[in-house]
Amino acid sequence: MRLSDAERTTLAAAADRAGLALAAYLVRARMDVAEHRTGSITDLQRDALAELMVVGRLLRRIGTDPNQAVGRPNATGQPGADLGPAAAYCMQVARRADEAIVLLRKSLL
């Protein structure tokens, strides 16, 4: 395969980042294509994935807090002290989800 100096420099830098010799990096890249595997993800995509995983954990946790906080006013007619913090937590999770969506959108465009 013939490469320009610029192409060789770019590929050599990518191989270094992957911890591989240039030849090994090229073989891996060709095998990924041949076996229909996706290429390596970018740092932005990795960050977006990590953020979405955090959001998923947070969403699983908020299922209980609002139910408990809302259950008290339904039973007593008075909001519990935990209603405000539970609502704030829900808003925090919503903001994190929005940030993750923006990161993911940027990585895909």
Protein backbone atom coordinates (compact mmCIF):
# COMPACT_ATOMS: atom_id res chain seq x y z
CA MET A 1 0.00 0.00 0.00
CA ARG A 2 1.35 3.41 -0.91
CA LEU A 3 0.86 6.27 1.49
CA SER A 4 1.72 9.93 1.27
CA ASP A 5 3.93 11.30 4.03
CA ALA A 6 0.91 13.00 5.58
CA GLU A 7 -1.12 9.77 5.50
CA ARG A 8 1.75 7.80 7.00
CA THR A 9 2.19 10.37 9.77
CA THR A 10 -1.53 10.35 10.56
CA LEU A 11 -1.69 6.55 10.63
CA ALA A 12 1.51 6.25 12.66
CA ALA A 13 0.08 8.65 15.25
CA ALA A 14 -3.16 6.63 15.42
CA ALA A 15 -1.16 3.41 15.80
CA ASP A 16 0.85 4.97 18.62
CA ARG A 17 -2.34 6.01 20.40
CA ALA A 18 -3.60 2.43 20.08
CA GLY A 19 -0.29 1.07 21.35
CA LEU A 20 0.39 -0.81 18.10
CA ALA A 21 3.02 -0.88 15.42
CA LEU A 22 1.83 0.69 12.17
CA ALA A 23 1.54 -2.67 10.39
CA ALA A 24 -0.48 -4.18 13.25
CA TYR A 25 -2.74 -1.12 13.30
CA LEU A 26 -3.39 -1.41 9.56
CA VAL A 27 -4.18 -5.13 9.86
CA ARG A 28 -6.60 -4.47 12.72
CA ALA A 29 -8.31 -1.70 10.75
CA ARG A 30 -8.70 -3.93 7.69
CA MET A 31 -10.01 -6.84 9.79
CA ASP A 32 -12.56 -4.51 11.41
CA VAL A 33 -13.85 -3.62 7.96
CA ALA A 34 -13.72 -7.21 6.70
CA GLU A 35 -15.61 -8.55 9.71
CA HIS A 36 -18.11 -5.66 9.76
CA ARG A 37 -17.06 -4.46 13.19
CA THR A 38 -17.37 -0.82 14.00
CA GLY A 39 -14.28 1.29 14.06
CA SER A 40 -12.89 2.79 17.20
CA ILE A 41 -15.06 5.35 18.90
CA THR A 42 -13.95 8.92 19.38
CA ASP A 43 -13.22 10.46 22.75
CA LEU A 44 -16.39 12.51 22.41
CA GLN A 45 -18.45 9.37 21.75
CA ARG A 46 -16.80 7.62 24.72
CA ASP A 47 -17.63 10.62 26.94
CA ALA A 48 -21.21 10.63 25.65
CA LEU A 49 -21.59 6.94 26.40
CA ALA A 50 -20.18 7.38 29.90
CA GLU A 51 -22.57 10.27 30.53
CA LEU A 52 -25.55 8.24 29.31
CA MET A 53 -24.55 5.41 31.63
CA VAL A 54 -24.53 7.88 34.55
CA VAL A 55 -27.93 9.19 33.48
CA GLY A 56 -29.27 5.63 33.37
CA ARG A 57 -28.11 5.00 36.94
CA LEU A 58 -29.65 8.27 38.09
CA LEU A 59 -32.94 7.52 36.38
CA ARG A 60 -33.14 4.15 38.10
CA ARG A 61 -32.60 5.86 41.46
CA ILE A 62 -35.25 8.54 41.01
CA GLY A 63 -38.05 6.04 40.56
CA THR A 64 -38.41 5.67 44.33
CA ASP A 65 -37.81 9.20 45.64
CA PRO A 66 -40.67 11.02 43.87
CA ASN A 67 -43.14 8.21 44.63
CA GLN A 68 -42.36 8.45 48.33
CA ALA A 69 -42.41 12.25 48.32
CA VAL A 70 -45.73 12.41 46.45
CA GLY A 71 -47.32 9.63 48.47
CA ARG A 72 -47.21 11.69 51.65
CA PRO A 73 -49.27 14.66 50.32
CA ASN A 74 -51.78 12.21 48.90
CA ALA A 75 -52.20 10.60 52.33
CA THR A 76 -51.96 13.67 54.60
CA GLY A 77 -52.76 16.64 52.36
CA GLN A 78 -49.37 18.18 53.27
CA PRO A 79 -46.22 17.94 51.17
CA GLY A 80 -43.34 16.18 52.85
CA ALA A 81 -40.01 17.86 53.46
CA ASP A 82 -38.43 15.59 50.86
CA LEU A 83 -40.66 16.77 47.99
CA GLY A 84 -38.45 19.76 47.13
CA PRO A 85 -35.18 17.79 47.15
CA ALA A 86 -36.77 14.96 45.15
CA ALA A 87 -38.01 17.43 42.52
CA ALA A 88 -34.57 19.11 42.41
CA TYR A 89 -32.94 15.73 41.94
CA CYS A 90 -35.30 14.94 39.06
CA MET A 91 -34.38 18.25 37.42
CA GLN A 92 -30.68 17.49 37.86
CA VAL A 93 -31.13 14.15 36.12
CA ALA A 94 -33.09 15.83 33.32
CA ARG A 95 -30.25 18.34 32.83
CA ARG A 96 -27.70 15.52 32.74
CA ALA A 97 -29.82 13.73 30.14
CA ASP A 98 -29.97 16.90 28.04
CA GLU A 99 -26.18 17.31 28.27
CA ALA A 100 -25.66 13.69 27.25
CA ILE A 101 -27.97 14.09 24.28
CA VAL A 102 -26.05 17.18 23.16
CA LEU A 103 -22.73 15.32 23.45
CA LEU A 104 -24.06 12.37 21.50
CA ARG A 105 -25.57 14.61 18.82
CA LYS A 106 -22.22 16.40 18.41
CA SER A 107 -20.38 13.11 18.06
CA LEU A 108 -22.75 11.88 15.35
CA LEU A 109 -22.83 15.03 13.22
